[in-house]
């Protein structure tokens, strides 16, 4: 799972010209990408890390100051452009897997006490933001491998 986090003064996301999520005060804009194999461990880790990361002014976290979060799904975080001129999206989980993971991260953040605004999963979104700094951090948690079966 990957989260690209930007410290912002404000941010919003629109679908078909209608604002569906916005934060009007300093907070974090979080772009979230899901890969194959991401599960509960990755959801929990990303949510806790985003909420506790000390990247706001004066080395404070969103949890320290109750800063709002705008979380937007973004499969392109798993784009691979190392070869050719067109990125591949093979590492991005399909919607049937990534949408529940995206929802789970948002729900986990709310469970931690965050005020969470959301984009619309799978929609063609327009994101606007006023970056603060600019300050951008990439978090990544590799999927937990499945348990190894016991040797016979």
C-alpha atoms as a PDB file:
ATOM      1  CA  UNK A   1       0.000   0.000   0.000  1.00  0.00           C
ATOM      2  CA  UNK A   2       1.258   3.458  -0.837  1.00  0.00           C
ATOM      3  CA  UNK A   3       0.178   6.829   0.463  1.00  0.00           C
ATOM      4  CA  UNK A   4       1.454  10.060  -1.040  1.00  0.00           C
ATOM      5  CA  UNK A   5       0.834  12.728   1.587  1.00  0.00           C
ATOM      6  CA  UNK A   6       0.901  16.463   0.977  1.00  0.00           C
ATOM      7  CA  UNK A   7       0.721  19.094   3.666  1.00  0.00           C
ATOM      8  CA  UNK A   8      -1.904  21.560   2.446  1.00  0.00           C
ATOM      9  CA  UNK A   9      -3.534  24.819   3.454  1.00  0.00           C
ATOM     10  CA  UNK A  10      -6.733  23.609   1.789  1.00  0.00           C
ATOM     11  CA  UNK A  11      -7.801  20.982  -0.732  1.00  0.00           C
ATOM     12  CA  UNK A  12     -10.894  19.756  -2.526  1.00  0.00           C
ATOM     13  CA  UNK A  13     -11.977  17.052  -4.932  1.00  0.00           C
ATOM     14  CA  UNK A  14     -14.752  17.409  -7.513  1.00  0.00           C
ATOM     15  CA  UNK A  15     -16.622  14.954  -9.699  1.00  0.00           C
ATOM     16  CA  UNK A  16     -18.555  16.314 -12.681  1.00  0.00           C
ATOM     17  CA  UNK A  17     -18.055  19.852 -11.377  1.00  0.00           C
ATOM     18  CA  UNK A  18     -19.502  19.073  -7.931  1.00  0.00           C
ATOM     19  CA  UNK A  19     -17.271  19.240  -4.854  1.00  0.00           C
ATOM     20  CA  UNK A  20     -17.540  15.869  -3.111  1.00  0.00           C
ATOM     21  CA  UNK A  21     -14.867  16.377  -0.451  1.00  0.00           C
ATOM     22  CA  UNK A  22     -12.980  19.385   0.873  1.00  0.00           C
ATOM     23  CA  UNK A  23     -10.831  20.607   3.713  1.00  0.00           C
ATOM     24  CA  UNK A  24     -10.813  24.364   4.229  1.00  0.00           C
ATOM     25  CA  UNK A  25      -8.042  24.559   6.823  1.00  0.00           C
ATOM     26  CA  UNK A  26      -4.481  23.248   7.142  1.00  0.00           C
ATOM     27  CA  UNK A  27      -4.378  19.466   6.935  1.00  0.00           C
ATOM     28  CA  UNK A  28      -3.244  16.576   4.774  1.00  0.00           C
ATOM     29  CA  UNK A  29      -4.143  15.530   1.250  1.00  0.00           C
ATOM     30  CA  UNK A  30      -3.603  11.775   1.036  1.00  0.00           C
ATOM     31  CA  UNK A  31      -3.445   9.937  -2.277  1.00  0.00           C
ATOM     32  CA  UNK A  32      -3.855   6.212  -1.602  1.00  0.00           C
ATOM     33  CA  UNK A  33      -2.793   3.335  -3.851  1.00  0.00           C
ATOM     34  CA  UNK A  34      -3.466  -0.348  -3.209  1.00  0.00           C
ATOM     35  CA  UNK A  35      -1.517  -3.297  -4.581  1.00  0.00           C
ATOM     36  CA  UNK A  36      -2.207  -7.025  -4.730  1.00  0.00           C
ATOM     37  CA  UNK A  37      -2.044  -8.701  -1.353  1.00  0.00           C
ATOM     38  CA  UNK A  38      -2.769  -5.606   0.740  1.00  0.00           C
ATOM     39  CA  UNK A  39      -4.906  -6.492   3.717  1.00  0.00           C
ATOM     40  CA  UNK A  40      -5.763  -5.566   7.291  1.00  0.00           C
ATOM     41  CA  UNK A  41      -2.123  -5.193   8.403  1.00  0.00           C
ATOM     42  CA  UNK A  42      -1.373  -2.685   5.645  1.00  0.00           C
ATOM     43  CA  UNK A  43      -4.622  -0.786   6.259  1.00  0.00           C
ATOM     44  CA  UNK A  44      -3.862  -0.456   9.971  1.00  0.00           C
ATOM     45  CA  UNK A  45      -0.226   0.542   9.394  1.00  0.00           C
ATOM     46  CA  UNK A  46      -1.025   3.226   6.788  1.00  0.00           C
ATOM     47  CA  UNK A  47      -3.867   4.710   8.850  1.00  0.00           C
ATOM     48  CA  UNK A  48      -1.775   4.919  12.018  1.00  0.00           C
ATOM     49  CA  UNK A  49       1.242   6.277  10.152  1.00  0.00           C
ATOM     50  CA  UNK A  50      -0.746   8.986   8.316  1.00  0.00           C
ATOM     51  CA  UNK A  51      -2.526  10.052  11.506  1.00  0.00           C
ATOM     52  CA  UNK A  52       0.637  10.160  13.617  1.00  0.00           C
ATOM     53  CA  UNK A  53       3.216  11.417  11.120  1.00  0.00           C
ATOM     54  CA  UNK A  54       4.772  14.663  12.367  1.00  0.00           C
ATOM     55  CA  UNK A  55       4.806  16.631   9.119  1.00  0.00           C
ATOM     56  CA  UNK A  56       2.590  19.592   9.958  1.00  0.00           C
ATOM     57  CA  UNK A  57       4.085  22.909  11.030  1.00  0.00           C
ATOM     58  CA  UNK A  58       6.152  22.838  14.233  1.00  0.00           C
ATOM     59  CA  UNK A  59       6.631  19.072  13.796  1.00  0.00           C
ATOM     60  CA  UNK A  60       3.080  18.250  14.769  1.00  0.00           C
ATOM     61  CA  UNK A  61       0.935  15.417  13.504  1.00  0.00           C
ATOM     62  CA  UNK A  62      -2.651  15.537  12.335  1.00  0.00           C
ATOM     63  CA  UNK A  63      -3.541  13.688  15.539  1.00  0.00           C
ATOM     64  CA  UNK A  64      -1.779  16.358  17.649  1.00  0.00           C
ATOM     65  CA  UNK A  65      -3.849  19.218  16.241  1.00  0.00           C
ATOM     66  CA  UNK A  66      -6.970  17.496  14.900  1.00  0.00           C
ATOM     67  CA  UNK A  67      -6.087  18.448  11.323  1.00  0.00           C
ATOM     68  CA  UNK A  68      -8.506  17.247   8.625  1.00  0.00           C
ATOM     69  CA  UNK A  69      -7.595  14.725   5.940  1.00  0.00           C
ATOM     70  CA  UNK A  70      -8.753  14.490   2.340  1.00  0.00           C
ATOM     71  CA  UNK A  71      -8.194  10.906   1.151  1.00  0.00           C
ATOM     72  CA  UNK A  72      -8.303  10.239  -2.602  1.00  0.00           C
ATOM     73  CA  UNK A  73      -7.873   6.830  -4.233  1.00  0.00           C
ATOM     74  CA  UNK A  74      -5.114   6.822  -6.829  1.00  0.00           C
ATOM     75  CA  UNK A  75      -4.158   3.599  -8.584  1.00  0.00           C
ATOM     76  CA  UNK A  76      -1.479   5.477 -10.547  1.00  0.00           C
ATOM     77  CA  UNK A  77       0.760   5.362  -7.472  1.00  0.00           C
ATOM     78  CA  UNK A  78       1.479   1.834  -8.671  1.00  0.00           C
ATOM     79  CA  UNK A  79       2.286   2.855 -12.239  1.00  0.00           C
ATOM     80  CA  UNK A  80       5.568   1.568 -13.632  1.00  0.00           C
ATOM     81  CA  UNK A  81       7.184   3.725 -16.313  1.00  0.00           C
ATOM     82  CA  UNK A  82      10.663   2.205 -16.298  1.00  0.00           C
ATOM     83  CA  UNK A  83      10.220   0.775 -19.791  1.00  0.00           C
ATOM     84  CA  UNK A  84       8.829   2.409 -22.888  1.00  0.00           C
ATOM     85  CA  UNK A  85       6.721   5.540 -22.895  1.00  0.00           C
ATOM     86  CA  UNK A  86       3.508   4.153 -21.420  1.00  0.00           C
ATOM     87  CA  UNK A  87       3.251   3.193 -17.761  1.00  0.00           C
ATOM     88  CA  UNK A  88       1.878  -0.195 -16.827  1.00  0.00           C
ATOM     89  CA  UNK A  89      -0.600  -0.611 -13.996  1.00  0.00           C
ATOM     90  CA  UNK A  90       0.038  -4.297 -13.269  1.00  0.00           C
ATOM     91  CA  UNK A  91       1.033  -3.640  -9.651  1.00  0.00           C
ATOM     92  CA  UNK A  92      -2.212  -1.771  -8.904  1.00  0.00           C
ATOM     93  CA  UNK A  93      -4.908  -3.951  -7.384  1.00  0.00           C
ATOM     94  CA  UNK A  94      -8.189  -4.111  -9.336  1.00  0.00           C
ATOM     95  CA  UNK A  95     -11.164  -2.151  -8.034  1.00  0.00           C
ATOM     96  CA  UNK A  96     -12.789  -5.194  -6.445  1.00  0.00           C
ATOM     97  CA  UNK A  97      -9.777  -5.440  -4.116  1.00  0.00           C
ATOM     98  CA  UNK A  98      -8.690  -1.820  -3.831  1.00  0.00           C
ATOM     99  CA  UNK A  99     -12.054  -0.177  -3.131  1.00  0.00           C
ATOM    100  CA  UNK A 100     -12.652  -2.119   0.107  1.00  0.00           C
ATOM    101  CA  UNK A 101      -9.052  -1.380   1.169  1.00  0.00           C
ATOM    102  CA  UNK A 102      -9.522   2.344   0.434  1.00  0.00           C
ATOM    103  CA  UNK A 103     -12.760   2.364   2.451  1.00  0.00           C
ATOM    104  CA  UNK A 104     -11.037   0.468   5.271  1.00  0.00           C
ATOM    105  CA  UNK A 105      -8.213   3.022   5.473  1.00  0.00           C
ATOM    106  CA  UNK A 106     -10.731   5.886   5.621  1.00  0.00           C
ATOM    107  CA  UNK A 107     -12.746   4.037   8.281  1.00  0.00           C
ATOM    108  CA  UNK A 108      -9.585   3.262  10.285  1.00  0.00           C
ATOM    109  CA  UNK A 109      -8.622   6.947  10.227  1.00  0.00           C
ATOM    110  CA  UNK A 110     -12.085   7.908  11.477  1.00  0.00           C
ATOM    111  CA  UNK A 111     -11.711   5.250  14.172  1.00  0.00           C
ATOM    112  CA  UNK A 112      -8.473   6.923  15.270  1.00  0.00           C
ATOM    113  CA  UNK A 113     -10.307  10.247  15.605  1.00  0.00           C
ATOM    114  CA  UNK A 114      -9.597  11.847  12.226  1.00  0.00           C
ATOM    115  CA  UNK A 115     -11.970  14.098  10.320  1.00  0.00           C
ATOM    116  CA  UNK A 116     -11.881  12.462   6.899  1.00  0.00           C
ATOM    117  CA  UNK A 117     -13.171  13.818   3.615  1.00  0.00           C
ATOM    118  CA  UNK A 118     -13.121  11.479   0.612  1.00  0.00           C
ATOM    119  CA  UNK A 119     -12.997  11.416  -3.122  1.00  0.00           C
ATOM    120  CA  UNK A 120     -15.232   9.045  -5.095  1.00  0.00           C
ATOM    121  CA  UNK A 121     -13.549   5.723  -5.779  1.00  0.00           C
ATOM    122  CA  UNK A 122     -13.055   5.067  -9.490  1.00  0.00           C
ATOM    123  CA  UNK A 123     -14.435   8.434 -10.587  1.00  0.00           C
ATOM    124  CA  UNK A 124     -12.729  10.934 -12.877  1.00  0.00           C
ATOM    125  CA  UNK A 125     -11.832  13.462 -10.186  1.00  0.00           C
ATOM    126  CA  UNK A 126     -10.428  16.968 -10.224  1.00  0.00           C
ATOM    127  CA  UNK A 127      -8.260  17.663  -7.194  1.00  0.00           C
ATOM    128  CA  UNK A 128      -7.260  21.184  -6.241  1.00  0.00           C
ATOM    129  CA  UNK A 129      -4.952  22.048  -3.401  1.00  0.00           C
ATOM    130  CA  UNK A 130      -2.811  24.775  -1.939  1.00  0.00           C
ATOM    131  CA  UNK A 131       0.355  23.014  -0.868  1.00  0.00           C
ATOM    132  CA  UNK A 132       2.073  24.157   2.288  1.00  0.00           C
ATOM    133  CA  UNK A 133       5.839  24.157   1.918  1.00  0.00           C
ATOM    134  CA  UNK A 134       5.525  22.341  -0.469  1.00  0.00           C
ATOM    135  CA  UNK A 135       5.892  19.264   1.685  1.00  0.00           C
ATOM    136  CA  UNK A 136       5.231  15.790   0.266  1.00  0.00           C
ATOM    137  CA  UNK A 137       6.008  12.371   1.771  1.00  0.00           C
ATOM    138  CA  UNK A 138       5.613   8.895   0.274  1.00  0.00           C
ATOM    139  CA  UNK A 139       4.728   6.060   2.642  1.00  0.00           C
ATOM    140  CA  UNK A 140       4.865   2.459   1.549  1.00  0.00           C
ATOM    141  CA  UNK A 141       4.076  -0.814   3.256  1.00  0.00           C
ATOM    142  CA  UNK A 142       4.728  -4.010   1.353  1.00  0.00           C
ATOM    143  CA  UNK A 143       1.937  -6.594   1.608  1.00  0.00           C
ATOM    144  CA  UNK A 144       2.393  -9.089   4.408  1.00  0.00           C
ATOM    145  CA  UNK A 145       3.309 -12.420   2.819  1.00  0.00           C
ATOM    146  CA  UNK A 146       0.940 -15.303   3.472  1.00  0.00           C
ATOM    147  CA  UNK A 147       2.059 -17.756   6.164  1.00  0.00           C
ATOM    148  CA  UNK A 148       4.326 -20.541   5.032  1.00  0.00           C
ATOM    149  CA  UNK A 149       2.677 -23.949   5.304  1.00  0.00           C
ATOM    150  CA  UNK A 150       4.355 -26.273   7.800  1.00  0.00           C
ATOM    151  CA  UNK A 151       6.953 -28.662   6.403  1.00  0.00           C
ATOM    152  CA  UNK A 152       5.915 -32.280   6.110  1.00  0.00           C
END
